[in-house]
């Protein structure tokens, strides 16, 4: 990551790059609003258990792709 500030805007990037992006996601903010300890336990605790992929998460990714990236849907699913 560059030392330069990130300009506000809309960015087109692969999922892997998006999830590595040094910013809070909507899901992160929901955890923090519950409590900072919940966020830490779910996202930062070095001893946390790996996040399991579930059918619901798979369906959510497919739905997200179909709505927001329809041109990629056939390639991924």
PDB file of N, CA and C in Angstrom:
ATOM      1  N   UNK A   1       0.842  -1.183   0.000  1.00  0.00           N
ATOM      2  CA  UNK A   1       0.000   0.000   0.000  1.00  0.00           C
ATOM      3  C   UNK A   1       0.874   1.228   0.000  1.00  0.00           C
ATOM      4  N   UNK A   2       0.482   2.186  -0.727  1.00  0.00           N
ATOM      5  CA  UNK A   2       1.204   3.435  -0.849  1.00  0.00           C
ATOM      6  C   UNK A   2       1.066   4.276   0.413  1.00  0.00           C
ATOM      7  N   UNK A   3       2.033   5.170   0.627  1.00  0.00           N
ATOM      8  CA  UNK A   3       1.954   6.113   1.745  1.00  0.00           C
ATOM      9  C   UNK A   3       1.034   7.272   1.430  1.00  0.00           C
ATOM     10  N   UNK A   4       0.536   7.337   0.211  1.00  0.00           N
ATOM     11  CA  UNK A   4      -0.342   8.426  -0.194  1.00  0.00           C
ATOM     12  C   UNK A   4      -1.768   8.147   0.271  1.00  0.00           C
ATOM     13  N   UNK A   5      -2.470   9.204   0.665  1.00  0.00           N
ATOM     14  CA  UNK A   5      -3.870   8.984   1.075  1.00  0.00           C
ATOM     15  C   UNK A   5      -4.700   8.442  -0.086  1.00  0.00           C
ATOM     16  N   UNK A   6      -5.708   7.679   0.249  1.00  0.00           N
ATOM     17  CA  UNK A   6      -6.605   7.119  -0.752  1.00  0.00           C
ATOM     18  C   UNK A   6      -7.689   8.145  -1.034  1.00  0.00           C
ATOM     19  N   UNK A   7      -7.860   8.463  -2.281  1.00  0.00           N
ATOM     20  CA  UNK A   7      -8.873   9.434  -2.677  1.00  0.00           C
ATOM     21  C   UNK A   7     -10.255   8.800  -2.615  1.00  0.00           C
ATOM     22  N   UNK A   8     -11.258   9.537  -2.147  1.00  0.00           N
ATOM     23  CA  UNK A   8     -12.621   9.011  -2.172  1.00  0.00           C
ATOM     24  C   UNK A   8     -13.036   8.687  -3.600  1.00  0.00           C
ATOM     25  N   UNK A   9     -13.812   7.667  -3.750  1.00  0.00           N
ATOM     26  CA  UNK A   9     -14.282   7.329  -5.090  1.00  0.00           C
ATOM     27  C   UNK A   9     -14.742   5.890  -5.168  1.00  0.00           C
ATOM     28  N   UNK A  10     -15.046   5.485  -6.367  1.00  0.00           N
ATOM     29  CA  UNK A  10     -15.470   4.120  -6.652  1.00  0.00           C
ATOM     30  C   UNK A  10     -14.307   3.439  -7.353  1.00  0.00           C
ATOM     31  N   UNK A  11     -13.933   2.285  -6.849  1.00  0.00           N
ATOM     32  CA  UNK A  11     -12.794   1.564  -7.390  1.00  0.00           C
ATOM     33  C   UNK A  11     -13.235   0.204  -7.899  1.00  0.00           C
ATOM     34  N   UNK A  12     -12.708  -0.186  -9.047  1.00  0.00           N
ATOM     35  CA  UNK A  12     -12.972  -1.506  -9.616  1.00  0.00           C
ATOM     36  C   UNK A  12     -11.753  -2.362  -9.307  1.00  0.00           C
ATOM     37  N   UNK A  13     -11.929  -3.391  -8.479  1.00  0.00           N
ATOM     38  CA  UNK A  13     -10.807  -4.239  -8.102  1.00  0.00           C
ATOM     39  C   UNK A  13     -11.306  -5.653  -7.837  1.00  0.00           C
ATOM     40  N   UNK A  14     -10.420  -6.637  -7.993  1.00  0.00           N
ATOM     41  CA  UNK A  14     -10.801  -8.025  -7.705  1.00  0.00           C
ATOM     42  C   UNK A  14     -11.150  -8.199  -6.221  1.00  0.00           C
ATOM     43  N   UNK A  15     -11.972  -9.203  -5.917  1.00  0.00           N
ATOM     44  CA  UNK A  15     -12.390  -9.450  -4.540  1.00  0.00           C
ATOM     45  C   UNK A  15     -11.204  -9.573  -3.580  1.00  0.00           C
ATOM     46  N   UNK A  16     -10.191 -10.320  -3.975  1.00  0.00           N
ATOM     47  CA  UNK A  16      -9.036 -10.534  -3.097  1.00  0.00           C
ATOM     48  C   UNK A  16      -8.398  -9.200  -2.709  1.00  0.00           C
ATOM     49  N   UNK A  17      -8.249  -8.320  -3.675  1.00  0.00           N
ATOM     50  CA  UNK A  17      -7.680  -6.999  -3.398  1.00  0.00           C
ATOM     51  C   UNK A  17      -8.634  -6.178  -2.524  1.00  0.00           C
ATOM     52  N   UNK A  18      -9.933  -6.263  -2.792  1.00  0.00           N
ATOM     53  CA  UNK A  18     -10.919  -5.533  -2.000  1.00  0.00           C
ATOM     54  C   UNK A  18     -10.865  -5.947  -0.532  1.00  0.00           C
ATOM     55  N   UNK A  19     -10.818  -7.267  -0.285  1.00  0.00           N
ATOM     56  CA  UNK A  19     -10.836  -7.740   1.096  1.00  0.00           C
ATOM     57  C   UNK A  19      -9.518  -7.479   1.821  1.00  0.00           C
ATOM     58  N   UNK A  20      -8.443  -7.227   1.079  1.00  0.00           N
ATOM     59  CA  UNK A  20      -7.166  -6.845   1.686  1.00  0.00           C
ATOM     60  C   UNK A  20      -7.032  -5.330   1.835  1.00  0.00           C
ATOM     61  N   UNK A  21      -7.989  -4.587   1.322  1.00  0.00           N
ATOM     62  CA  UNK A  21      -7.946  -3.126   1.336  1.00  0.00           C
ATOM     63  C   UNK A  21      -7.954  -2.626   2.782  1.00  0.00           C
ATOM     64  N   UNK A  22      -7.078  -1.686   3.123  1.00  0.00           N
ATOM     65  CA  UNK A  22      -6.969  -1.243   4.528  1.00  0.00           C
ATOM     66  C   UNK A  22      -8.052  -0.237   4.918  1.00  0.00           C
ATOM     67  N   UNK A  23      -9.274  -0.687   4.899  1.00  0.00           N
ATOM     68  CA  UNK A  23     -10.402   0.166   5.286  1.00  0.00           C
ATOM     69  C   UNK A  23     -11.465  -0.725   5.908  1.00  0.00           C
ATOM     70  N   UNK A  24     -12.380  -0.132   6.626  1.00  0.00           N
ATOM     71  CA  UNK A  24     -13.454  -0.901   7.248  1.00  0.00           C
ATOM     72  C   UNK A  24     -14.563  -1.166   6.246  1.00  0.00           C
ATOM     73  N   UNK A  25     -15.037  -2.398   6.248  1.00  0.00           N
ATOM     74  CA  UNK A  25     -16.183  -2.762   5.428  1.00  0.00           C
ATOM     75  C   UNK A  25     -17.460  -2.536   6.237  1.00  0.00           C
ATOM     76  N   UNK A  26     -18.594  -2.651   5.583  1.00  0.00           N
ATOM     77  CA  UNK A  26     -19.867  -2.546   6.287  1.00  0.00           C
ATOM     78  C   UNK A  26     -19.961  -3.612   7.383  1.00  0.00           C
ATOM     79  N   UNK A  27     -19.510  -4.812   7.084  1.00  0.00           N
ATOM     80  CA  UNK A  27     -19.533  -5.880   8.081  1.00  0.00           C
ATOM     81  C   UNK A  27     -18.645  -5.551   9.279  1.00  0.00           C
ATOM     82  N   UNK A  28     -17.485  -4.949   9.015  1.00  0.00           N
ATOM     83  CA  UNK A  28     -16.599  -4.532  10.109  1.00  0.00           C
ATOM     84  C   UNK A  28     -17.291  -3.505  10.997  1.00  0.00           C
ATOM     85  N   UNK A  29     -17.950  -2.544  10.385  1.00  0.00           N
ATOM     86  CA  UNK A  29     -18.634  -1.505  11.164  1.00  0.00           C
ATOM     87  C   UNK A  29     -19.768  -2.085  12.011  1.00  0.00           C
ATOM     88  N   UNK A  30     -20.463  -3.095  11.477  1.00  0.00           N
ATOM     89  CA  UNK A  30     -21.514  -3.751  12.265  1.00  0.00           C
ATOM     90  C   UNK A  30     -20.926  -4.427  13.499  1.00  0.00           C
ATOM     91  N   UNK A  31     -19.779  -5.098  13.321  1.00  0.00           N
ATOM     92  CA  UNK A  31     -19.131  -5.739  14.461  1.00  0.00           C
ATOM     93  C   UNK A  31     -18.682  -4.708  15.491  1.00  0.00           C
ATOM     94  N   UNK A  32     -18.076  -3.631  15.034  1.00  0.00           N
ATOM     95  CA  UNK A  32     -17.608  -2.589  15.948  1.00  0.00           C
ATOM     96  C   UNK A  32     -18.775  -1.955  16.693  1.00  0.00           C
ATOM     97  N   UNK A  33     -19.910  -1.778  16.006  1.00  0.00           N
ATOM     98  CA  UNK A  33     -21.063  -1.181  16.679  1.00  0.00           C
ATOM     99  C   UNK A  33     -21.614  -2.103  17.760  1.00  0.00           C
ATOM    100  N   UNK A  34     -21.415  -3.399  17.590  1.00  0.00           N
ATOM    101  CA  UNK A  34     -21.813  -4.346  18.642  1.00  0.00           C
ATOM    102  C   UNK A  34     -20.884  -4.159  19.837  1.00  0.00           C
ATOM    103  N   UNK A  35     -19.564  -4.191  19.570  1.00  0.00           N
ATOM    104  CA  UNK A  35     -18.542  -3.819  20.551  1.00  0.00           C
ATOM    105  C   UNK A  35     -17.177  -3.969  19.873  1.00  0.00           C
ATOM    106  N   UNK A  36     -16.204  -3.148  20.279  1.00  0.00           N
ATOM    107  CA  UNK A  36     -14.860  -3.323  19.732  1.00  0.00           C
ATOM    108  C   UNK A  36     -14.295  -4.722  20.004  1.00  0.00           C
ATOM    109  N   UNK A  37     -14.684  -5.322  21.106  1.00  0.00           N
ATOM    110  CA  UNK A  37     -14.208  -6.676  21.414  1.00  0.00           C
ATOM    111  C   UNK A  37     -14.716  -7.693  20.395  1.00  0.00           C
ATOM    112  N   UNK A  38     -15.956  -7.530  19.927  1.00  0.00           N
ATOM    113  CA  UNK A  38     -16.488  -8.438  18.905  1.00  0.00           C
ATOM    114  C   UNK A  38     -15.693  -8.307  17.610  1.00  0.00           C
ATOM    115  N   UNK A  39     -15.380  -7.061  17.242  1.00  0.00           N
ATOM    116  CA  UNK A  39     -14.574  -6.843  16.034  1.00  0.00           C
ATOM    117  C   UNK A  39     -13.212  -7.505  16.189  1.00  0.00           C
ATOM    118  N   UNK A  40     -12.552  -7.245  17.311  1.00  0.00           N
ATOM    119  CA  UNK A  40     -11.217  -7.801  17.531  1.00  0.00           C
ATOM    120  C   UNK A  40     -11.254  -9.329  17.470  1.00  0.00           C
ATOM    121  N   UNK A  41     -12.224  -9.926  18.144  1.00  0.00           N
ATOM    122  CA  UNK A  41     -12.313 -11.384  18.177  1.00  0.00           C
ATOM    123  C   UNK A  41     -12.548 -11.976  16.791  1.00  0.00           C
ATOM    124  N   UNK A  42     -13.345 -11.300  15.979  1.00  0.00           N
ATOM    125  CA  UNK A  42     -13.697 -11.831  14.656  1.00  0.00           C
ATOM    126  C   UNK A  42     -12.646 -11.536  13.592  1.00  0.00           C
ATOM    127  N   UNK A  43     -11.939 -10.394  13.721  1.00  0.00           N
ATOM    128  CA  UNK A  43     -11.075  -9.962  12.626  1.00  0.00           C
ATOM    129  C   UNK A  43      -9.591  -9.842  12.961  1.00  0.00           C
ATOM    130  N   UNK A  44      -9.243  -9.593  14.210  1.00  0.00           N
ATOM    131  CA  UNK A  44      -7.851  -9.283  14.533  1.00  0.00           C
ATOM    132  C   UNK A  44      -7.166 -10.265  15.472  1.00  0.00           C
ATOM    133  N   UNK A  45      -7.914 -11.001  16.246  1.00  0.00           N
ATOM    134  CA  UNK A  45      -7.336 -11.934  17.207  1.00  0.00           C
ATOM    135  C   UNK A  45      -6.473 -12.958  16.470  1.00  0.00           C
ATOM    136  N   UNK A  46      -5.162 -12.996  16.750  1.00  0.00           N
ATOM    137  CA  UNK A  46      -4.300 -13.948  16.029  1.00  0.00           C
ATOM    138  C   UNK A  46      -4.636 -15.408  16.331  1.00  0.00           C
ATOM    139  N   UNK A  47      -5.388 -15.671  17.407  1.00  0.00           N
ATOM    140  CA  UNK A  47      -5.754 -17.041  17.765  1.00  0.00           C
ATOM    141  C   UNK A  47      -7.174 -17.411  17.353  1.00  0.00           C
ATOM    142  N   UNK A  48      -7.814 -16.561  16.528  1.00  0.00           N
ATOM    143  CA  UNK A  48      -9.193 -16.855  16.125  1.00  0.00           C
ATOM    144  C   UNK A  48      -9.232 -18.079  15.210  1.00  0.00           C
ATOM    145  N   UNK A  49     -10.354 -18.762  15.247  1.00  0.00           N
ATOM    146  CA  UNK A  49     -10.545 -19.931  14.391  1.00  0.00           C
ATOM    147  C   UNK A  49     -10.780 -19.461  12.953  1.00  0.00           C
ATOM    148  N   UNK A  50     -10.372 -20.260  11.982  1.00  0.00           N
ATOM    149  CA  UNK A  50     -10.622 -19.873  10.585  1.00  0.00           C
ATOM    150  C   UNK A  50     -12.120 -19.728  10.319  1.00  0.00           C
ATOM    151  N   UNK A  51     -12.461 -18.794   9.466  1.00  0.00           N
ATOM    152  CA  UNK A  51     -13.853 -18.562   9.095  1.00  0.00           C
ATOM    153  C   UNK A  51     -14.278 -19.641   8.103  1.00  0.00           C
ATOM    154  N   UNK A  52     -15.288 -20.427   8.459  1.00  0.00           N
ATOM    155  CA  UNK A  52     -15.759 -21.504   7.586  1.00  0.00           C
ATOM    156  C   UNK A  52     -16.625 -20.946   6.468  1.00  0.00           C
ATOM    157  N   UNK A  53     -16.436 -21.520   5.285  1.00  0.00           N
ATOM    158  CA  UNK A  53     -17.294 -21.172   4.157  1.00  0.00           C
ATOM    159  C   UNK A  53     -18.572 -22.008   4.285  1.00  0.00           C
ATOM    160  N   UNK A  54     -19.707 -21.360   4.195  1.00  0.00           N
ATOM    161  CA  UNK A  54     -20.987 -22.059   4.353  1.00  0.00           C
ATOM    162  C   UNK A  54     -21.818 -21.905   3.084  1.00  0.00           C
ATOM    163  N   UNK A  55     -22.846 -22.716   2.904  1.00  0.00           N
ATOM    164  CA  UNK A  55     -23.731 -22.540   1.746  1.00  0.00           C
ATOM    165  C   UNK A  55     -24.347 -21.134   1.706  1.00  0.00           C
ATOM    166  N   UNK A  56     -24.657 -20.575   2.869  1.00  0.00           N
ATOM    167  CA  UNK A  56     -25.232 -19.220   2.896  1.00  0.00           C
ATOM    168  C   UNK A  56     -24.222 -18.184   2.399  1.00  0.00           C
ATOM    169  N   UNK A  57     -22.971 -18.327   2.793  1.00  0.00           N
ATOM    170  CA  UNK A  57     -21.935 -17.391   2.323  1.00  0.00           C
ATOM    171  C   UNK A  57     -21.701 -17.560   0.819  1.00  0.00           C
ATOM    172  N   UNK A  58     -21.710 -18.788   0.341  1.00  0.00           N
ATOM    173  CA  UNK A  58     -21.548 -19.041  -1.087  1.00  0.00           C
ATOM    174  C   UNK A  58     -22.697 -18.407  -1.872  1.00  0.00           C
ATOM    175  N   UNK A  59     -23.918 -18.572  -1.379  1.00  0.00           N
ATOM    176  CA  UNK A  59     -25.079 -17.975  -2.049  1.00  0.00           C
ATOM    177  C   UNK A  59     -24.988 -16.452  -2.018  1.00  0.00           C
ATOM    178  N   UNK A  60     -24.529 -15.890  -0.906  1.00  0.00           N
ATOM    179  CA  UNK A  60     -24.373 -14.442  -0.801  1.00  0.00           C
ATOM    180  C   UNK A  60     -23.366 -13.910  -1.800  1.00  0.00           C
ATOM    181  N   UNK A  61     -22.248 -14.616  -1.971  1.00  0.00           N
ATOM    182  CA  UNK A  61     -21.252 -14.188  -2.969  1.00  0.00           C
ATOM    183  C   UNK A  61     -21.823 -14.265  -4.377  1.00  0.00           C
ATOM    184  N   UNK A  62     -22.569 -15.322  -4.665  1.00  0.00           N
ATOM    185  CA  UNK A  62     -23.174 -15.464  -5.992  1.00  0.00           C
ATOM    186  C   UNK A  62     -24.197 -14.352  -6.239  1.00  0.00           C
ATOM    187  N   UNK A  63     -25.018 -14.059  -5.242  1.00  0.00           N
ATOM    188  CA  UNK A  63     -26.021 -12.995  -5.365  1.00  0.00           C
ATOM    189  C   UNK A  63     -25.330 -11.642  -5.568  1.00  0.00           C
ATOM    190  N   UNK A  64     -24.313 -11.375  -4.780  1.00  0.00           N
ATOM    191  CA  UNK A  64     -23.549 -10.137  -4.902  1.00  0.00           C
ATOM    192  C   UNK A  64     -22.986  -9.993  -6.317  1.00  0.00           C
ATOM    193  N   UNK A  65     -22.402 -11.072  -6.824  1.00  0.00           N
ATOM    194  CA  UNK A  65     -21.827 -11.053  -8.170  1.00  0.00           C
ATOM    195  C   UNK A  65     -22.912 -10.835  -9.222  1.00  0.00           C
ATOM    196  N   UNK A  66     -24.034 -11.526  -9.092  1.00  0.00           N
ATOM    197  CA  UNK A  66     -25.113 -11.405 -10.078  1.00  0.00           C
ATOM    198  C   UNK A  66     -25.652  -9.981 -10.151  1.00  0.00           C
ATOM    199  N   UNK A  67     -25.750  -9.321  -9.004  1.00  0.00           N
ATOM    200  CA  UNK A  67     -26.306  -7.974  -8.965  1.00  0.00           C
ATOM    201  C   UNK A  67     -25.272  -6.904  -9.330  1.00  0.00           C
ATOM    202  N   UNK A  68     -24.066  -7.017  -8.751  1.00  0.00           N
ATOM    203  CA  UNK A  68     -23.080  -5.944  -8.899  1.00  0.00           C
ATOM    204  C   UNK A  68     -22.031  -6.195  -9.978  1.00  0.00           C
ATOM    205  N   UNK A  69     -21.883  -7.460 -10.387  1.00  0.00           N
ATOM    206  CA  UNK A  69     -20.895  -7.791 -11.416  1.00  0.00           C
ATOM    207  C   UNK A  69     -21.486  -8.799 -12.407  1.00  0.00           C
ATOM    208  N   UNK A  70     -22.606  -8.476 -13.038  1.00  0.00           N
ATOM    209  CA  UNK A  70     -23.273  -9.469 -13.893  1.00  0.00           C
ATOM    210  C   UNK A  70     -22.395  -9.988 -15.026  1.00  0.00           C
ATOM    211  N   UNK A  71     -21.465  -9.179 -15.496  1.00  0.00           N
ATOM    212  CA  UNK A  71     -20.585  -9.620 -16.585  1.00  0.00           C
ATOM    213  C   UNK A  71     -19.618 -10.716 -16.132  1.00  0.00           C
ATOM    214  N   UNK A  72     -19.404 -10.869 -14.833  1.00  0.00           N
ATOM    215  CA  UNK A  72     -18.511 -11.892 -14.292  1.00  0.00           C
ATOM    216  C   UNK A  72     -19.245 -13.147 -13.824  1.00  0.00           C
ATOM    217  N   UNK A  73     -20.570 -13.066 -13.706  1.00  0.00           N
ATOM    218  CA  UNK A  73     -21.328 -14.161 -13.095  1.00  0.00           C
ATOM    219  C   UNK A  73     -21.084 -15.498 -13.811  1.00  0.00           C
ATOM    220  N   UNK A  74     -21.198 -15.521 -15.119  1.00  0.00           N
ATOM    221  CA  UNK A  74     -21.029 -16.791 -15.855  1.00  0.00           C
ATOM    222  C   UNK A  74     -19.620 -17.343 -15.703  1.00  0.00           C
ATOM    223  N   UNK A  75     -18.632 -16.486 -15.567  1.00  0.00           N
ATOM    224  CA  UNK A  75     -17.245 -16.956 -15.388  1.00  0.00           C
ATOM    225  C   UNK A  75     -17.026 -17.585 -14.018  1.00  0.00           C
ATOM    226  N   UNK A  76     -17.678 -17.042 -13.001  1.00  0.00           N
ATOM    227  CA  UNK A  76     -17.452 -17.522 -11.622  1.00  0.00           C
ATOM    228  C   UNK A  76     -18.413 -18.637 -11.212  1.00  0.00           C
ATOM    229  N   UNK A  77     -19.650 -18.584 -11.763  1.00  0.00           N
ATOM    230  CA  UNK A  77     -20.668 -19.523 -11.287  1.00  0.00           C
ATOM    231  C   UNK A  77     -21.287 -20.271 -12.445  1.00  0.00           C
TER     232      UNK A  77
END
